[in-house]
Amino acid sequence: MIQGIIDRFEGKIAVVEIEGGDMKDFPKSALPKGAKVGDMLIINGNTITISKEGTKQLRKEIDDLMDELFED
């Protein structure tokens, strides 16, 4: 099992940052319906799912960092 985060879409390709910082391309058609930039993915062989809890945690971490950055 590998975890990754959708970095961006380039046409019909999803560029996913895999654990360790490597980038890997996946066909958009291989991703679950509704997958979007920033979603955490669980890649297990040919099966890709969205980790809702992982995505939620990532977004919270980003929001916290933004709050720190833009404090008054």
C-alpha atoms as a PDB file:
ATOM      1  CA  MET A   1       0.000   0.000   0.000  1.00  0.00           C
ATOM      2  CA  ILE A   2       1.290   3.441  -0.971  1.00  0.00           C
ATOM      3  CA  GLN A   3      -0.082   6.859  -0.060  1.00  0.00           C
ATOM      4  CA  GLY A   4       0.029   9.869  -2.332  1.00  0.00           C
ATOM      5  CA  ILE A   5      -1.477  13.316  -2.799  1.00  0.00           C
ATOM      6  CA  ILE A   6      -2.917  14.605  -6.064  1.00  0.00           C
ATOM      7  CA  ASP A   7      -0.618  17.474  -7.014  1.00  0.00           C
ATOM      8  CA  ARG A   8      -2.261  18.493 -10.283  1.00  0.00           C
ATOM      9  CA  PHE A   9      -4.028  17.375 -13.422  1.00  0.00           C
ATOM     10  CA  GLU A  10      -2.451  17.644 -16.859  1.00  0.00           C
ATOM     11  CA  GLY A  11      -5.078  16.787 -19.424  1.00  0.00           C
ATOM     12  CA  LYS A  12      -6.056  13.157 -18.858  1.00  0.00           C
ATOM     13  CA  ILE A  13      -3.178  12.575 -16.420  1.00  0.00           C
ATOM     14  CA  ALA A  14      -3.138  13.014 -12.642  1.00  0.00           C
ATOM     15  CA  VAL A  15       0.274  13.861 -11.189  1.00  0.00           C
ATOM     16  CA  VAL A  16       0.499  12.333  -7.714  1.00  0.00           C
ATOM     17  CA  GLU A  17       3.178  13.042  -5.122  1.00  0.00           C
ATOM     18  CA  ILE A  18       4.037   9.694  -3.582  1.00  0.00           C
ATOM     19  CA  GLU A  19       5.482   9.242  -0.092  1.00  0.00           C
ATOM     20  CA  GLY A  20       9.081  10.399  -0.172  1.00  0.00           C
ATOM     21  CA  GLY A  21       8.416  13.210  -2.652  1.00  0.00           C
ATOM     22  CA  ASP A  22       8.515  11.229  -5.905  1.00  0.00           C
ATOM     23  CA  MET A  23       5.984  12.188  -8.571  1.00  0.00           C
ATOM     24  CA  LYS A  24       4.038   9.545 -10.461  1.00  0.00           C
ATOM     25  CA  ASP A  25       1.547   9.891 -13.307  1.00  0.00           C
ATOM     26  CA  PHE A  26      -1.776   8.053 -13.269  1.00  0.00           C
ATOM     27  CA  PRO A  27      -4.555   8.141 -15.846  1.00  0.00           C
ATOM     28  CA  LYS A  28      -7.406  10.284 -14.527  1.00  0.00           C
ATOM     29  CA  SER A  29      -9.701   7.415 -15.419  1.00  0.00           C
ATOM     30  CA  ALA A  30      -7.949   5.235 -12.788  1.00  0.00           C
ATOM     31  CA  LEU A  31      -8.882   7.632  -9.978  1.00  0.00           C
ATOM     32  CA  PRO A  32     -12.132   7.471  -8.049  1.00  0.00           C
ATOM     33  CA  LYS A  33     -14.914   9.696  -9.372  1.00  0.00           C
ATOM     34  CA  GLY A  34     -14.750  13.140  -7.785  1.00  0.00           C
ATOM     35  CA  ALA A  35     -11.017  13.021  -6.980  1.00  0.00           C
ATOM     36  CA  LYS A  36      -9.516  16.500  -6.844  1.00  0.00           C
ATOM     37  CA  VAL A  37      -6.212  18.270  -6.286  1.00  0.00           C
ATOM     38  CA  GLY A  38      -5.105  17.885  -2.677  1.00  0.00           C
ATOM     39  CA  ASP A  39      -6.887  14.579  -2.065  1.00  0.00           C
ATOM     40  CA  MET A  40      -4.876  11.886  -0.313  1.00  0.00           C
ATOM     41  CA  LEU A  41      -4.936   8.606  -2.187  1.00  0.00           C
ATOM     42  CA  ILE A  42      -4.350   5.056  -1.026  1.00  0.00           C
ATOM     43  CA  ILE A  43      -2.803   3.040  -3.859  1.00  0.00           C
ATOM     44  CA  ASN A  44      -2.996  -0.704  -3.364  1.00  0.00           C
ATOM     45  CA  GLY A  45      -1.955  -2.519  -6.532  1.00  0.00           C
ATOM     46  CA  ASN A  46      -4.443  -1.493  -9.230  1.00  0.00           C
ATOM     47  CA  THR A  47      -6.943  -0.127  -6.703  1.00  0.00           C
ATOM     48  CA  ILE A  48      -6.908   3.588  -5.868  1.00  0.00           C
ATOM     49  CA  THR A  49      -9.169   5.037  -3.184  1.00  0.00           C
ATOM     50  CA  ILE A  50      -9.467   8.462  -1.578  1.00  0.00           C
ATOM     51  CA  SER A  51      -8.537   8.614   2.091  1.00  0.00           C
ATOM     52  CA  LYS A  52     -11.211  10.974   3.386  1.00  0.00           C
ATOM     53  CA  GLU A  53      -9.631  11.106   6.837  1.00  0.00           C
ATOM     54  CA  GLY A  54      -6.147  11.686   5.376  1.00  0.00           C
ATOM     55  CA  THR A  55      -7.461  14.432   3.091  1.00  0.00           C
ATOM     56  CA  LYS A  56      -9.270  16.087   5.994  1.00  0.00           C
ATOM     57  CA  GLN A  57      -6.081  16.033   8.097  1.00  0.00           C
ATOM     58  CA  LEU A  58      -3.985  17.494   5.247  1.00  0.00           C
ATOM     59  CA  ARG A  59      -6.449  20.334   4.727  1.00  0.00           C
ATOM     60  CA  LYS A  60      -6.456  21.093   8.458  1.00  0.00           C
ATOM     61  CA  GLU A  61      -2.643  21.216   8.503  1.00  0.00           C
ATOM     62  CA  ILE A  62      -2.656  23.604   5.526  1.00  0.00           C
ATOM     63  CA  ASP A  63      -5.318  25.807   7.135  1.00  0.00           C
ATOM     64  CA  ASP A  64      -3.295  25.922  10.381  1.00  0.00           C
ATOM     65  CA  LEU A  65      -0.142  26.915   8.484  1.00  0.00           C
ATOM     66  CA  MET A  66      -2.031  29.636   6.613  1.00  0.00           C
ATOM     67  CA  ASP A  67      -3.421  30.966   9.900  1.00  0.00           C
ATOM     68  CA  GLU A  68       0.116  31.130  11.323  1.00  0.00           C
ATOM     69  CA  LEU A  69       1.433  32.853   8.231  1.00  0.00           C
ATOM     70  CA  PHE A  70      -1.233  35.545   8.169  1.00  0.00           C
ATOM     71  CA  GLU A  71      -1.532  36.278  11.900  1.00  0.00           C
ATOM     72  CA  ASP A  72      -2.027  39.936  12.794  1.00  0.00           C
END
